[in-house]
Amino acid sequence: MAIVGLVSALAIPNLMMLNARMQADVFAQQVSSELRWARQWAISKRDRVRLVFDQDRQAIVAQIGNDRVQHHQLSYQHKGLEIDEPSAGPDVVFHPSGRSATATTIQFRNGQGHARTITVSLTGRVSIR
């Protein structure tokens, strides 16, 4: 019993760290999927799509067209993650050509300091580091 207790005491912190890292990785995939969706929507519907990174509401809001009609939002309020404002401003815009209005970098981290970076190039390519 003592050996099992000792092994458990050593393994639990590592499992907690692994869980936090996995949550950050999954969220990075969600955000990159949201960016790729916005680009595809802009191309297929021949309309501008804007993703607004709302720091106050802790959400990413998808807006369609020049009149910015809200389509949906991705909330990260209770995920224990902090997203920095994108380097090019609070929103990422995709044109009907699929190109991004500006190249941008989005960084976020979890409570344990595990950080991920998502970049959007001028051509609209989304990548995770």
N, C-alpha and C. Protein backbone atom coordinates (compact mmCIF):
# COMPACT_ATOMS: atom_id res chain seq x y z
N MET A 1 0.82 -1.19 0.00
CA MET A 1 0.00 0.00 0.00
C MET A 1 0.88 1.27 0.00
N ALA A 2 1.96 1.22 0.75
CA ALA A 2 2.84 2.37 0.82
C ALA A 2 3.48 2.65 -0.54
N ILE A 3 3.82 1.60 -1.26
CA ILE A 3 4.43 1.77 -2.59
C ILE A 3 3.43 2.39 -3.55
N VAL A 4 2.19 1.92 -3.51
CA VAL A 4 1.15 2.47 -4.38
C VAL A 4 0.92 3.94 -4.03
N GLY A 5 0.89 4.27 -2.77
CA GLY A 5 0.72 5.65 -2.33
C GLY A 5 1.86 6.53 -2.79
N LEU A 6 3.07 6.03 -2.71
CA LEU A 6 4.24 6.78 -3.14
C LEU A 6 4.22 7.02 -4.65
N VAL A 7 3.92 5.99 -5.41
CA VAL A 7 3.85 6.11 -6.87
C VAL A 7 2.74 7.09 -7.25
N SER A 8 1.61 7.01 -6.58
CA SER A 8 0.50 7.94 -6.85
C SER A 8 0.90 9.37 -6.55
N ALA A 9 1.58 9.57 -5.43
CA ALA A 9 2.00 10.92 -5.05
C ALA A 9 2.97 11.51 -6.07
N LEU A 10 3.78 10.67 -6.67
CA LEU A 10 4.72 11.14 -7.68
C LEU A 10 4.04 11.35 -9.04
N ALA A 11 3.05 10.55 -9.35
CA ALA A 11 2.43 10.59 -10.67
C ALA A 11 1.36 11.67 -10.81
N ILE A 12 0.64 11.98 -9.76
CA ILE A 12 -0.49 12.92 -9.85
C ILE A 12 -0.05 14.31 -10.32
N PRO A 13 1.01 14.92 -9.81
CA PRO A 13 1.40 16.25 -10.34
C PRO A 13 1.74 16.21 -11.83
N ASN A 14 2.38 15.15 -12.27
CA ASN A 14 2.71 15.03 -13.70
C ASN A 14 1.45 14.89 -14.54
N LEU A 15 0.47 14.15 -14.04
CA LEU A 15 -0.79 14.00 -14.76
C LEU A 15 -1.54 15.33 -14.82
N MET A 16 -1.49 16.09 -13.76
CA MET A 16 -2.16 17.39 -13.75
C MET A 16 -1.51 18.33 -14.77
N MET A 17 -0.17 18.32 -14.83
CA MET A 17 0.56 19.15 -15.79
C MET A 17 0.23 18.70 -17.22
N LEU A 18 0.18 17.40 -17.44
CA LEU A 18 -0.15 16.88 -18.76
C LEU A 18 -1.57 17.28 -19.15
N ASN A 19 -2.51 17.23 -18.22
CA ASN A 19 -3.88 17.63 -18.49
C ASN A 19 -3.95 19.11 -18.89
N ALA A 20 -3.25 19.97 -18.16
CA ALA A 20 -3.25 21.40 -18.48
C ALA A 20 -2.64 21.65 -19.85
N ARG A 21 -1.59 20.94 -20.17
CA ARG A 21 -0.94 21.09 -21.48
C ARG A 21 -1.88 20.62 -22.60
N MET A 22 -2.57 19.52 -22.35
CA MET A 22 -3.52 19.00 -23.36
C MET A 22 -4.66 19.99 -23.58
N GLN A 23 -5.16 20.62 -22.51
CA GLN A 23 -6.23 21.62 -22.65
C GLN A 23 -5.75 22.79 -23.50
N ALA A 24 -4.54 23.25 -23.30
CA ALA A 24 -3.99 24.34 -24.11
C ALA A 24 -3.86 23.92 -25.57
N ASP A 25 -3.40 22.69 -25.81
CA ASP A 25 -3.26 22.20 -27.18
C ASP A 25 -4.62 22.07 -27.87
N VAL A 26 -5.61 21.57 -27.14
CA VAL A 26 -6.96 21.43 -27.71
C VAL A 26 -7.53 22.80 -28.03
N PHE A 27 -7.33 23.76 -27.13
CA PHE A 27 -7.84 25.10 -27.38
C PHE A 27 -7.14 25.74 -28.58
N ALA A 28 -5.85 25.49 -28.74
CA ALA A 28 -5.13 26.00 -29.91
C ALA A 28 -5.75 25.44 -31.19
N GLN A 29 -6.12 24.17 -31.16
CA GLN A 29 -6.78 23.56 -32.32
C GLN A 29 -8.14 24.20 -32.57
N GLN A 30 -8.90 24.50 -31.50
CA GLN A 30 -10.20 25.13 -31.65
C GLN A 30 -10.08 26.52 -32.28
N VAL A 31 -9.13 27.31 -31.79
CA VAL A 31 -8.95 28.67 -32.31
C VAL A 31 -8.49 28.61 -33.76
N SER A 32 -7.55 27.71 -34.07
CA SER A 32 -7.08 27.62 -35.46
C SER A 32 -8.20 27.12 -36.37
N SER A 33 -9.04 26.23 -35.88
CA SER A 33 -10.20 25.78 -36.67
C SER A 33 -11.17 26.92 -36.91
N GLU A 34 -11.36 27.75 -35.90
CA GLU A 34 -12.24 28.92 -36.05
C GLU A 34 -11.69 29.88 -37.10
N LEU A 35 -10.39 30.09 -37.09
CA LEU A 35 -9.76 30.96 -38.10
C LEU A 35 -9.88 30.35 -39.49
N ARG A 36 -9.66 29.06 -39.61
CA ARG A 36 -9.79 28.39 -40.92
C ARG A 36 -11.23 28.40 -41.41
N TRP A 37 -12.18 28.23 -40.48
CA TRP A 37 -13.60 28.32 -40.85
C TRP A 37 -13.90 29.70 -41.42
N ALA A 38 -13.41 30.75 -40.74
CA ALA A 38 -13.68 32.12 -41.19
C ALA A 38 -13.14 32.34 -42.60
N ARG A 39 -11.96 31.84 -42.86
CA ARG A 39 -11.37 31.98 -44.19
C ARG A 39 -12.20 31.24 -45.24
N GLN A 40 -12.59 30.01 -44.94
CA GLN A 40 -13.39 29.22 -45.88
C GLN A 40 -14.75 29.87 -46.13
N TRP A 41 -15.37 30.38 -45.06
CA TRP A 41 -16.68 31.04 -45.20
C TRP A 41 -16.54 32.26 -46.11
N ALA A 42 -15.50 33.06 -45.91
CA ALA A 42 -15.27 34.25 -46.73
C ALA A 42 -15.13 33.87 -48.20
N ILE A 43 -14.40 32.79 -48.47
CA ILE A 43 -14.19 32.36 -49.85
C ILE A 43 -15.50 31.82 -50.45
N SER A 44 -16.16 30.93 -49.72
CA SER A 44 -17.34 30.26 -50.29
C SER A 44 -18.54 31.20 -50.43
N LYS A 45 -18.71 32.13 -49.50
CA LYS A 45 -19.85 33.05 -49.55
C LYS A 45 -19.52 34.38 -50.23
N ARG A 46 -18.25 34.54 -50.60
CA ARG A 46 -17.78 35.78 -51.23
C ARG A 46 -18.18 37.00 -50.41
N ASP A 47 -17.85 36.91 -49.13
CA ASP A 47 -18.18 37.97 -48.20
C ASP A 47 -17.07 38.10 -47.16
N ARG A 48 -16.93 39.24 -46.57
CA ARG A 48 -15.91 39.48 -45.55
C ARG A 48 -16.33 38.82 -44.24
N VAL A 49 -15.37 38.21 -43.55
CA VAL A 49 -15.61 37.61 -42.24
C VAL A 49 -14.60 38.21 -41.26
N ARG A 50 -15.12 38.61 -40.12
CA ARG A 50 -14.29 39.22 -39.08
C ARG A 50 -14.42 38.38 -37.81
N LEU A 51 -13.28 38.02 -37.22
CA LEU A 51 -13.26 37.37 -35.91
C LEU A 51 -12.75 38.40 -34.91
N VAL A 52 -13.59 38.74 -33.95
CA VAL A 52 -13.24 39.75 -32.94
C VAL A 52 -12.85 39.02 -31.66
N PHE A 53 -11.66 39.30 -31.16
CA PHE A 53 -11.17 38.74 -29.91
C PHE A 53 -11.56 39.69 -28.79
N ASP A 54 -12.68 39.39 -28.14
CA ASP A 54 -13.25 40.24 -27.10
C ASP A 54 -12.66 39.84 -25.75
N GLN A 55 -11.72 40.65 -25.25
CA GLN A 55 -11.03 40.35 -23.99
C GLN A 55 -11.97 40.43 -22.79
N ASP A 56 -12.92 41.35 -22.81
CA ASP A 56 -13.83 41.53 -21.68
C ASP A 56 -14.77 40.33 -21.51
N ARG A 57 -15.35 39.87 -22.59
CA ARG A 57 -16.28 38.74 -22.53
C ARG A 57 -15.56 37.40 -22.62
N GLN A 58 -14.26 37.42 -22.87
CA GLN A 58 -13.45 36.22 -23.08
C GLN A 58 -14.11 35.32 -24.12
N ALA A 59 -14.27 35.90 -25.30
CA ALA A 59 -14.91 35.18 -26.39
C ALA A 59 -14.32 35.64 -27.72
N ILE A 60 -14.44 34.77 -28.71
CA ILE A 60 -14.08 35.10 -30.08
C ILE A 60 -15.39 35.15 -30.85
N VAL A 61 -15.74 36.32 -31.38
CA VAL A 61 -17.03 36.54 -32.01
C VAL A 61 -16.84 36.59 -33.52
N ALA A 62 -17.60 35.76 -34.24
CA ALA A 62 -17.56 35.74 -35.71
C ALA A 62 -18.63 36.69 -36.25
N GLN A 63 -18.20 37.62 -37.11
CA GLN A 63 -19.11 38.57 -37.72
C GLN A 63 -19.01 38.45 -39.24
N ILE A 64 -20.16 38.52 -39.89
CA ILE A 64 -20.23 38.32 -41.34
C ILE A 64 -20.59 39.63 -42.03
N GLY A 65 -19.93 39.91 -43.13
CA GLY A 65 -20.27 41.05 -43.98
C GLY A 65 -19.80 42.38 -43.45
N ASN A 66 -20.05 43.41 -44.27
CA ASN A 66 -19.63 44.76 -43.89
C ASN A 66 -20.46 45.32 -42.75
N ASP A 67 -21.71 44.82 -42.59
CA ASP A 67 -22.55 45.30 -41.49
C ASP A 67 -22.31 44.53 -40.19
N ARG A 68 -21.35 43.60 -40.22
CA ARG A 68 -20.87 42.88 -39.03
C ARG A 68 -21.98 42.13 -38.28
N VAL A 69 -22.78 41.39 -38.98
CA VAL A 69 -23.81 40.58 -38.36
C VAL A 69 -23.13 39.44 -37.60
N GLN A 70 -23.49 39.29 -36.32
CA GLN A 70 -22.87 38.23 -35.52
C GLN A 70 -23.38 36.88 -35.97
N HIS A 71 -22.46 35.98 -36.27
CA HIS A 71 -22.79 34.63 -36.70
C HIS A 71 -22.78 33.67 -35.51
N HIS A 72 -21.71 33.66 -34.75
CA HIS A 72 -21.58 32.82 -33.56
C HIS A 72 -20.40 33.30 -32.73
N GLN A 73 -20.18 32.67 -31.58
CA GLN A 73 -19.02 33.01 -30.77
C GLN A 73 -18.46 31.77 -30.10
N LEU A 74 -17.16 31.81 -29.86
CA LEU A 74 -16.44 30.75 -29.15
C LEU A 74 -15.99 31.35 -27.83
N SER A 75 -16.54 30.84 -26.72
CA SER A 75 -16.21 31.37 -25.40
C SER A 75 -15.08 30.56 -24.77
N TYR A 76 -14.17 31.25 -24.12
CA TYR A 76 -13.10 30.58 -23.39
C TYR A 76 -13.07 31.06 -21.94
N GLN A 77 -14.22 31.52 -21.46
CA GLN A 77 -14.32 32.13 -20.15
C GLN A 77 -13.93 31.20 -19.01
N HIS A 78 -14.32 29.96 -19.03
CA HIS A 78 -14.06 29.05 -17.91
C HIS A 78 -13.04 27.98 -18.25
N LYS A 79 -12.15 28.27 -19.18
CA LYS A 79 -11.16 27.28 -19.59
C LYS A 79 -9.81 27.48 -18.92
N GLY A 80 -9.66 28.52 -18.12
CA GLY A 80 -8.39 28.77 -17.45
C GLY A 80 -7.29 29.21 -18.39
N LEU A 81 -7.67 29.86 -19.49
CA LEU A 81 -6.70 30.31 -20.48
C LEU A 81 -6.76 31.82 -20.62
N GLU A 82 -5.63 32.40 -20.99
CA GLU A 82 -5.55 33.83 -21.21
C GLU A 82 -5.04 34.06 -22.63
N ILE A 83 -5.80 34.82 -23.40
CA ILE A 83 -5.40 35.13 -24.78
C ILE A 83 -4.96 36.58 -24.83
N ASP A 84 -3.78 36.81 -25.39
CA ASP A 84 -3.32 38.18 -25.64
C ASP A 84 -4.06 38.72 -26.85
N GLU A 85 -4.22 40.04 -26.91
CA GLU A 85 -4.83 40.63 -28.09
C GLU A 85 -3.96 40.32 -29.30
N PRO A 86 -4.55 39.95 -30.43
CA PRO A 86 -3.74 39.68 -31.63
C PRO A 86 -2.82 40.86 -31.94
N SER A 87 -1.66 40.56 -32.48
CA SER A 87 -0.64 41.58 -32.71
C SER A 87 -1.10 42.69 -33.66
N ALA A 88 -2.05 42.41 -34.54
CA ALA A 88 -2.52 43.41 -35.50
C ALA A 88 -3.80 44.10 -35.04
N GLY A 89 -4.20 43.91 -33.80
CA GLY A 89 -5.43 44.52 -33.30
C GLY A 89 -6.41 43.47 -32.85
N PRO A 90 -7.56 43.90 -32.31
CA PRO A 90 -8.49 42.95 -31.69
C PRO A 90 -9.29 42.08 -32.66
N ASP A 91 -9.16 42.32 -33.96
CA ASP A 91 -9.92 41.49 -34.89
C ASP A 91 -9.06 40.99 -36.04
N VAL A 92 -9.47 39.85 -36.57
CA VAL A 92 -8.81 39.25 -37.73
C VAL A 92 -9.86 39.22 -38.84
N VAL A 93 -9.53 39.83 -39.98
CA VAL A 93 -10.48 39.95 -41.09
C VAL A 93 -10.00 39.13 -42.28
N PHE A 94 -10.94 38.33 -42.83
CA PHE A 94 -10.66 37.58 -44.05
C PHE A 94 -11.52 38.15 -45.17
N HIS A 95 -10.88 38.41 -46.31
CA HIS A 95 -11.56 38.93 -47.49
C HIS A 95 -12.11 37.78 -48.33
N PRO A 96 -13.02 38.07 -49.27
CA PRO A 96 -13.57 37.01 -50.12
C PRO A 96 -12.52 36.23 -50.90
N SER A 97 -11.35 36.80 -51.07
CA SER A 97 -10.27 36.09 -51.77
C SER A 97 -9.61 35.06 -50.86
N GLY A 98 -9.91 35.12 -49.54
CA GLY A 98 -9.28 34.22 -48.59
C GLY A 98 -8.06 34.84 -47.93
N ARG A 99 -7.68 36.00 -48.39
CA ARG A 99 -6.52 36.68 -47.81
C ARG A 99 -6.92 37.36 -46.51
N SER A 100 -5.96 37.49 -45.63
CA SER A 100 -6.17 38.20 -44.37
C SER A 100 -5.88 39.68 -44.58
N ALA A 101 -6.60 40.53 -43.89
CA ALA A 101 -6.37 41.97 -44.02
C ALA A 101 -4.97 42.34 -43.53
N THR A 102 -4.52 41.69 -42.47
CA THR A 102 -3.18 41.91 -41.94
C THR A 102 -2.65 40.60 -41.39
N ALA A 103 -1.35 40.44 -41.46
CA ALA A 103 -0.74 39.28 -40.81
C ALA A 103 -0.80 39.51 -39.30
N THR A 104 -1.05 38.47 -38.55
CA THR A 104 -1.19 38.63 -37.11
C THR A 104 -0.69 37.41 -36.36
N THR A 105 -0.36 37.63 -35.11
CA THR A 105 0.07 36.56 -34.22
C THR A 105 -0.81 36.61 -32.98
N ILE A 106 -1.29 35.45 -32.57
CA ILE A 106 -2.16 35.34 -31.40
C ILE A 106 -1.46 34.42 -30.41
N GLN A 107 -1.22 34.91 -29.19
CA GLN A 107 -0.57 34.10 -28.17
C GLN A 107 -1.53 33.88 -27.01
N PHE A 108 -1.49 32.67 -26.45
CA PHE A 108 -2.26 32.41 -25.24
C PHE A 108 -1.50 31.42 -24.38
N ARG A 109 -1.89 31.40 -23.11
CA ARG A 109 -1.23 30.51 -22.16
C ARG A 109 -2.23 30.06 -21.11
N ASN A 110 -1.92 28.92 -20.50
CA ASN A 110 -2.75 28.42 -19.42
C ASN A 110 -2.16 28.85 -18.09
N GLY A 111 -2.79 28.46 -16.99
CA GLY A 111 -2.35 28.85 -15.66
C GLY A 111 -0.98 28.34 -15.29
N GLN A 112 -0.53 27.25 -15.89
CA GLN A 112 0.78 26.68 -15.59
C GLN A 112 1.88 27.27 -16.47
N GLY A 113 1.53 28.21 -17.33
CA GLY A 113 2.53 28.87 -18.16
C GLY A 113 2.78 28.23 -19.51
N HIS A 114 2.06 27.15 -19.83
CA HIS A 114 2.22 26.53 -21.14
C HIS A 114 1.63 27.47 -22.20
N ALA A 115 2.44 27.90 -23.14
CA ALA A 115 2.01 28.89 -24.14
C ALA A 115 1.95 28.27 -25.53
N ARG A 116 1.04 28.79 -26.33
CA ARG A 116 0.91 28.41 -27.74
C ARG A 116 0.78 29.70 -28.55
N THR A 117 1.23 29.66 -29.78
CA THR A 117 1.17 30.80 -30.68
C THR A 117 0.52 30.38 -31.98
N ILE A 118 -0.44 31.17 -32.42
CA ILE A 118 -1.11 30.94 -33.71
C ILE A 118 -0.80 32.13 -34.59
N THR A 119 -0.39 31.87 -35.81
CA THR A 119 -0.10 32.94 -36.76
C THR A 119 -1.05 32.85 -37.95
N VAL A 120 -1.42 34.01 -38.45
CA VAL A 120 -2.23 34.12 -39.67
C VAL A 120 -1.43 34.97 -40.63
N SER A 121 -1.10 34.40 -41.79
CA SER A 121 -0.30 35.14 -42.77
C SER A 121 -1.21 36.01 -43.64
N LEU A 122 -0.61 36.86 -44.44
CA LEU A 122 -1.39 37.69 -45.36
C LEU A 122 -2.17 36.86 -46.37
N THR A 123 -1.67 35.67 -46.69
CA THR A 123 -2.38 34.81 -47.63
C THR A 123 -3.55 34.08 -46.98
N GLY A 124 -3.66 34.19 -45.64
CA GLY A 124 -4.75 33.53 -44.92
C GLY A 124 -4.35 32.21 -44.30
N ARG A 125 -3.11 31.81 -44.47
CA ARG A 125 -2.64 30.54 -43.91
C ARG A 125 -2.57 30.64 -42.40
N VAL A 126 -3.11 29.62 -41.71
CA VAL A 126 -3.13 29.58 -40.25
C VAL A 126 -2.19 28.47 -39.79
N SER A 127 -1.31 28.80 -38.85
CA SER A 127 -0.39 27.77 -38.32
C SER A 127 -0.27 27.93 -36.81
N ILE A 128 0.04 26.80 -36.15
CA ILE A 128 0.18 26.75 -34.70
C ILE A 128 1.63 26.42 -34.37
N ARG A 129 2.18 27.14 -33.39
CA ARG A 129 3.53 26.84 -32.88
C ARG A 129 3.45 26.62 -31.40
